Protein backbone atom coordinates (compact mmCIF):
# COMPACT_ATOMS: atom_id res chain seq x y z
CA ASP A 1 7.62 4.20 -6.48
CA MET A 2 6.27 0.94 -6.49
CA LEU A 3 7.13 -0.43 -10.28
CA CYS A 4 10.22 0.98 -11.64
CA ILE A 5 11.15 -1.26 -14.98
CA PRO A 6 15.26 -0.05 -15.12
CA THR A 7 15.36 0.82 -18.88
CA PRO A 8 16.73 2.64 -20.39
CA TYR A 9 17.69 3.87 -16.95
CA ARG A 10 17.80 2.60 -13.33
CA GLN A 11 15.29 4.61 -11.21
CA LEU A 12 17.54 4.55 -8.62
CA ASP A 13 20.25 6.65 -10.48
CA LEU A 14 17.11 9.33 -11.83
CA TYR A 15 16.04 9.96 -8.49
CA ARG A 16 19.57 10.28 -6.79
CA ASP A 17 20.25 13.01 -9.78
CA ALA A 18 17.63 14.83 -8.90
CA GLN A 19 18.73 14.60 -4.94
CA ARG A 20 21.73 16.35 -6.30
CA GLN A 21 19.53 19.13 -7.46
CA GLY A 22 17.36 19.93 -4.98
CA PHE A 23 15.28 17.36 -4.58
CA THR A 24 14.17 16.33 -1.11
CA GLN A 25 11.71 14.00 -0.38
CA HIS A 26 12.07 10.62 0.84
CA VAL A 27 11.91 7.70 -1.92
CA ARG A 28 12.33 3.83 -1.73
CA VAL A 29 12.42 2.23 -5.00
CA TYR A 30 10.73 -0.77 -5.91
CA TYR A 31 11.87 -2.74 -8.97
CA ASP A 32 9.61 -5.30 -11.15
CA PHE A 33 10.88 -8.65 -10.27
CA GLU A 34 9.19 -9.73 -13.91
CA ALA A 35 11.47 -7.07 -15.60
CA LEU A 36 14.52 -7.63 -13.70
CA GLN A 37 14.39 -10.89 -15.76
CA SER A 38 14.98 -9.36 -18.72
CA TYR A 39 16.98 -6.02 -17.02
CA PRO A 40 19.38 -7.31 -14.95
CA ILE A 41 20.18 -4.41 -12.37
CA PRO A 42 24.00 -4.35 -11.07
CA PRO A 43 24.61 -5.91 -7.89
CA ILE A 44 22.83 -4.51 -5.09
CA THR A 45 25.18 -2.87 -2.18
CA ASP A 46 24.57 -1.42 1.03
CA ALA A 47 25.02 2.21 -0.45
CA ASP A 48 21.87 1.19 -2.37
CA ARG A 49 19.65 0.18 0.51
CA THR A 50 20.53 3.39 2.24
CA GLY A 51 20.00 7.09 2.28
CA GLN A 52 17.32 9.80 1.54
CA VAL A 53 17.05 7.72 -1.97
CA ALA A 54 17.56 3.88 -1.75
CA ILE A 55 15.98 0.75 -3.56
CA GLY A 56 13.53 -0.31 -1.16
CA GLY A 57 12.26 -3.31 -2.55
CA ILE A 58 11.15 -5.75 -5.52
CA LYS A 59 7.68 -6.00 -6.52
CA LEU A 60 4.72 -8.72 -7.76
CA PHE A 61 1.46 -9.18 -8.93
CA MET A 62 -0.78 -11.79 -7.52
CA ASP A 63 -3.72 -10.92 -9.67
CA GLY A 64 -5.26 -7.91 -11.49
CA SER A 65 -8.45 -5.48 -10.59
CA ILE A 66 -11.45 -5.95 -8.78
CA SER A 67 -13.14 -3.46 -11.44
CA ASN A 68 -12.41 -5.52 -14.53
CA ARG A 69 -13.12 -8.75 -12.59
CA THR A 70 -9.27 -9.91 -12.46
CA ALA A 71 -8.72 -9.72 -8.92
CA TRP A 72 -8.12 -13.58 -7.92
CA MET A 73 -11.05 -14.21 -5.74
CA ARG A 74 -11.94 -17.71 -3.86
CA ASP A 75 -15.81 -17.37 -5.26
CA PRO A 76 -16.69 -16.41 -8.52
CA TYR A 77 -18.12 -13.42 -9.65
CA PRO A 78 -21.55 -12.97 -9.57
CA GLY A 79 -23.37 -13.80 -13.02
CA THR A 80 -20.27 -16.02 -14.79
CA ALA A 81 -19.93 -19.44 -14.88
CA GLY A 82 -17.63 -20.40 -12.45
CA ASP A 83 -15.06 -17.00 -13.22
CA ARG A 84 -12.60 -16.19 -10.24
CA GLY A 85 -10.50 -13.65 -12.00
CA ILE A 86 -6.88 -14.63 -12.58
CA ARG A 87 -3.33 -15.48 -11.12
CA MET A 88 -0.47 -13.82 -12.45
CA CYS A 89 2.66 -15.11 -10.49
CA PRO A 90 2.81 -18.68 -10.03
CA PRO A 91 4.66 -20.60 -6.87
CA GLN A 92 8.30 -21.19 -8.78
CA ARG A 93 8.49 -16.92 -9.30
CA MET A 94 7.57 -16.47 -6.09
CA ILE A 95 10.25 -18.58 -4.24
CA GLU A 96 12.46 -16.84 -6.92
CA ALA A 97 11.43 -13.25 -5.68
CA LEU A 98 12.28 -14.70 -2.20
CA ALA A 99 15.52 -16.04 -2.53
CA PHE A 100 16.56 -12.84 -4.56
CA ALA A 101 14.58 -10.51 -1.81
CA ARG A 102 16.45 -12.46 1.04
CA SER A 103 20.02 -12.03 -0.70
CA ASN A 104 19.70 -8.58 -1.57
CA GLY A 105 18.15 -7.38 1.98
CA LEU A 106 15.03 -5.99 0.17
CA GLN A 107 11.20 -6.19 0.99
CA ILE A 108 9.04 -7.98 -1.22
CA SER A 109 5.98 -5.78 -2.38
CA VAL A 110 2.88 -7.64 -3.42
CA HIS A 111 -0.09 -6.72 -5.16
CA ALA A 112 -2.99 -9.06 -3.97
CA MET A 113 -6.51 -7.83 -4.30
CA GLY A 114 -8.50 -10.69 -4.56
CA ASP A 115 -9.03 -12.85 -1.28
CA ARG A 116 -7.78 -15.97 -3.14
CA ALA A 117 -4.55 -13.55 -4.11
CA ILE A 118 -3.98 -13.04 -0.49
CA GLN A 119 -4.43 -16.52 1.05
CA GLU A 120 -2.01 -17.72 -1.97
CA VAL A 121 0.53 -15.15 -0.38
CA VAL A 122 0.66 -16.46 3.10
CA ASP A 123 0.43 -20.08 1.92
CA VAL A 124 3.72 -19.77 0.35
CA TRP A 125 5.42 -17.46 2.26
CA GLY A 126 3.81 -17.44 5.76
CA ASP A 127 5.78 -19.95 7.03
CA GLU A 128 9.60 -18.84 5.74
CA ALA A 129 11.69 -17.00 7.68
CA PRO A 130 11.45 -13.02 7.95
CA TRP A 131 15.04 -11.21 7.09
CA MET A 132 13.71 -7.29 7.12
CA GLY A 133 14.48 -6.92 10.94
CA GLU A 134 11.86 -4.03 12.18
CA ILE A 135 10.32 -4.20 8.78
CA PRO A 136 7.93 -6.44 7.23
CA SER A 137 9.66 -8.83 4.72
CA VAL A 138 6.45 -8.76 2.77
CA ARG A 139 3.93 -6.19 2.47
CA ILE A 140 0.37 -6.90 0.87
CA GLU A 141 -0.48 -3.96 -1.31
CA HIS A 142 -4.44 -3.45 -1.40
CA ALA A 143 -5.61 -6.44 0.25
CA SER A 144 -8.96 -5.45 -1.06
CA VAL A 145 -11.33 -8.35 -0.19
CA LEU A 146 -10.25 -10.49 3.14
CA ASP A 147 -12.21 -12.21 5.98
CA PRO A 148 -11.10 -12.26 9.56
CA ASP A 149 -9.40 -15.86 9.56
CA LEU A 150 -7.10 -14.52 6.78
CA MET A 151 -6.71 -11.88 8.77
CA ARG A 152 -5.69 -13.61 11.44
CA ARG A 153 -3.40 -15.88 9.49
CA ILE A 154 -1.76 -12.69 8.34
CA ALA A 155 -1.18 -11.95 12.16
CA ASP A 156 0.22 -15.09 13.06
CA ALA A 157 2.46 -16.20 10.34
CA ARG A 158 6.12 -16.94 11.00
CA MET A 159 6.89 -14.70 8.09
CA THR A 160 6.13 -10.70 8.83
CA PHE A 161 3.78 -9.35 6.81
CA GLY A 162 2.96 -5.87 6.20
CA VAL A 163 -0.21 -4.27 4.80
CA ALA A 164 -1.04 -1.41 2.57
CA THR A 165 -4.73 -0.82 1.60
CA ASN A 166 -6.51 1.56 -0.31
CA VAL A 167 -10.16 2.85 0.65
CA ASP A 168 -9.80 5.55 -2.07
CA PHE A 169 -10.38 2.75 -5.06
CA PHE A 170 -13.73 1.73 -2.87
CA TYR A 171 -14.39 5.53 -2.94
CA CYS A 172 -13.97 6.21 -6.35
CA GLU A 173 -14.84 2.40 -8.53
CA VAL A 174 -17.94 1.73 -6.22
CA ASP A 175 -19.84 1.49 -9.23
CA SER A 176 -17.73 -1.28 -10.87
CA TYR A 177 -17.27 -2.69 -7.37
CA SER A 178 -21.14 -3.34 -6.84
CA ALA A 179 -21.54 -4.48 -9.96
CA ASN A 180 -18.71 -6.87 -9.68
CA LEU A 181 -18.68 -7.96 -6.59
CA SER A 182 -21.31 -10.58 -4.60
CA PRO A 183 -23.33 -9.33 -0.85
CA ALA A 184 -20.86 -11.06 0.69
CA GLN A 185 -17.78 -10.15 -1.25
CA PHE A 186 -18.64 -6.46 -1.10
CA ALA A 187 -18.90 -6.65 2.94
CA ARG A 188 -15.42 -7.95 3.07
CA THR A 189 -13.96 -5.19 0.93
CA TYR A 190 -11.31 -2.95 2.78
CA ALA A 191 -12.10 -3.92 6.36
CA VAL A 192 -9.99 -1.20 7.70
CA ARG A 193 -11.67 -1.54 11.10
CA ASP A 194 -10.99 -5.30 11.57
CA MET A 195 -7.56 -5.12 9.80
CA GLN A 196 -6.39 -2.86 12.59
CA ALA A 197 -7.76 -4.39 15.18
CA THR A 198 -5.84 -7.40 13.69
CA ILE A 199 -2.86 -6.51 11.92
CA GLU A 200 0.07 -5.02 13.52
CA ARG A 201 2.05 -3.40 10.57
CA LEU A 202 -0.62 -1.78 8.69
CA ALA A 203 -1.04 1.27 6.42
CA LEU A 204 -3.77 3.49 4.39
CA SER A 205 -2.33 4.07 1.20
CA SER A 206 -2.89 6.79 -1.65
CA ASP A 207 -2.23 5.33 -4.91
CA SER A 208 -1.61 6.88 -8.60
CA PRO A 209 -2.19 6.53 -11.45
CA ALA A 210 -4.40 3.40 -10.29
CA THR A 211 -8.01 4.71 -11.45
CA THR A 212 -9.55 6.80 -14.04
CA TRP A 213 -9.57 9.66 -11.53
CA ALA A 214 -7.08 12.32 -10.52
CA ASP A 215 -7.86 12.44 -6.86
CA PRO A 216 -6.73 8.95 -5.55
CA ASP A 217 -3.26 10.30 -5.13
CA ASN A 218 -4.75 12.88 -2.28
CA VAL A 219 -4.59 11.77 1.52
CA PHE A 220 -7.25 13.39 2.28
CA LEU A 221 -9.85 11.75 -0.25
CA SER A 222 -8.65 8.43 1.57
CA ILE A 223 -8.84 9.86 4.98
CA GLN A 224 -12.46 10.82 4.51
CA ALA A 225 -13.66 7.53 2.51
CA ALA A 226 -11.92 5.50 5.77
CA VAL A 227 -14.04 7.53 8.18
CA THR A 228 -17.04 8.18 6.28
CA ARG A 229 -17.35 5.05 4.55
CA ARG A 230 -19.14 7.13 1.84
CA ALA A 231 -17.96 7.24 -1.65
CA TYR A 232 -17.96 9.87 -4.40
CA ASN A 233 -21.92 9.47 -5.01
CA GLY A 234 -23.05 9.00 -1.23
CA ALA A 235 -23.24 5.22 -1.60
CA ASP A 236 -22.75 3.44 1.33
CA ILE A 237 -19.04 1.28 1.12
CA VAL A 238 -19.71 -0.82 4.42
CA ALA A 239 -20.48 1.67 7.24
CA ALA A 240 -19.23 -1.10 9.46
CA GLN A 241 -15.82 -0.53 8.57
CA GLU A 242 -15.45 2.86 9.38
CA ILE A 243 -12.62 4.04 11.57
CA THR A 244 -11.91 7.60 13.45
CA VAL A 245 -10.39 10.59 12.15
CA PRO A 246 -7.03 9.86 14.52
CA GLU A 247 -6.93 6.29 13.40
CA ALA A 248 -7.12 7.21 9.65
CA VAL A 249 -4.28 10.08 9.99
CA LEU A 250 -2.07 7.12 12.16
CA LEU A 251 -2.59 5.09 9.42
CA PHE A 252 -1.04 7.64 7.28
CA THR A 253 1.80 8.45 9.63
CA GLY A 254 2.57 6.67 12.70
CA ARG A 255 1.65 3.34 11.89
CA ALA A 256 2.13 3.46 8.29
CA ARG A 257 5.72 4.06 8.97
CA THR A 258 6.14 0.36 10.20
CA VAL A 259 5.28 -0.94 6.72
CA ALA A 260 8.33 0.01 4.90
CA ASP A 261 12.03 1.33 5.32
CA THR A 262 10.42 4.91 6.86
CA LEU A 263 11.00 3.62 10.67
CA ASP A 264 12.15 7.49 11.37
CA ILE A 265 9.40 9.12 9.75
CA GLY A 266 5.80 9.59 10.72
CA MET A 267 6.33 10.67 14.05
CA ILE A 268 7.24 13.97 15.79
CA ALA A 269 9.91 12.58 18.27
CA PRO A 270 13.72 12.59 19.01
CA GLY A 271 15.60 10.81 15.98
CA PHE A 272 12.90 11.24 13.65
CA GLN A 273 12.93 13.47 10.61
CA ALA A 274 10.96 16.35 11.54
CA SER A 275 8.77 15.97 8.37
CA PHE A 276 5.32 17.38 8.67
CA ILE A 277 2.48 19.38 7.31
CA THR A 278 0.27 22.06 8.66
CA LEU A 279 -2.94 22.59 7.60
CA ALA A 280 -5.99 25.66 6.94
CA ASP A 281 -8.37 23.88 9.49
CA ASP A 282 -8.00 21.07 12.29
CA ILE A 283 -8.62 17.87 10.81
CA PHE A 284 -10.10 16.43 14.22
CA GLU A 285 -12.76 19.23 14.59
CA ILE A 286 -14.04 19.42 10.81
CA ASP A 287 -17.22 17.48 9.35
CA PRO A 288 -15.37 14.51 8.44
CA GLY A 289 -17.65 15.01 4.84
CA THR A 290 -15.65 18.12 4.06
CA ILE A 291 -11.77 16.53 4.86
CA ILE A 292 -11.25 15.89 1.12
CA ASP A 293 -11.18 20.01 0.81
CA LEU A 294 -8.21 20.19 3.61
CA ARG A 295 -5.57 23.06 2.35
CA VAL A 296 -2.36 22.31 3.08
CA THR A 297 -0.93 25.62 4.27
CA GLY A 298 2.83 24.54 4.85
CA THR A 299 5.35 21.93 4.63
CA TRP A 300 8.43 21.04 6.46
CA ILE A 301 11.00 18.38 5.48
CA ARG A 302 13.99 17.43 8.17
CA GLY A 303 13.24 20.75 9.71
CA GLU A 304 13.29 23.01 6.94
CA ARG A 305 10.25 24.61 5.59
CA VAL A 306 9.92 23.70 1.90
CA TYR A 307 6.30 25.02 1.07
CA ALA A 308 4.41 28.01 2.19
CA ALA A 309 0.90 28.32 0.98
């Protein structure tokens, strides 16, 4: 839960109340760092950071979105007098957030869509020492527009960065992306093929509510978009960045587990949670253009079947 504001209750308490009543999902709560300035929470303990439901980190926003031209870009948006979007988080707040996260043993999750916003994340935090052990201390959300040099900076930084990116946005909002980005910017949008070859801790992500569509929480939509690089209307969304179905599945499971405090899920292996789904069809054999229509036939959480179609 990536945007928790602790009033009139703490989301951690809400989820744990639900857990006592039978809620089974693995949850990590991320508190909005700006909100914590007005609504502070009690000191964070080891018990708050561990268990089925726990505090995972804090959330910051570097910029807005591409669809309303508020993502912070290096180059101006086409047809504007130098408009490069907006910056939402000044360096001093970033430094304060790092100190808070480090002292409390929490991950920083930062919304950064434009290449200038992503560059700022690396400029300010890239040379800092990580503190989260096996998982990235800083996770960049969306990472919508970036070039190979910026990917390499993320990979080579002293800080351990993770990236969760969203081809589903491209699928749903291709009309506004096409109108708002130059051809050069468009070609560097959601460059998953290049990212997976360069950035070790990478995940595909679903996100809801994030667009006017109801579908971006559908994992199968995201997998299909990453594999076919076709939008809802059939438009090309940078076919050169397509990946295979196995690669896309791994970026939602085995590789995705490395971007947050989820190291014991995402694989079927000794020591893992044995949480998985079964499907009505073989995702590796069907036409990739029909993946969005896949149906779940069963869900197991920690080895117990909790859903049957």
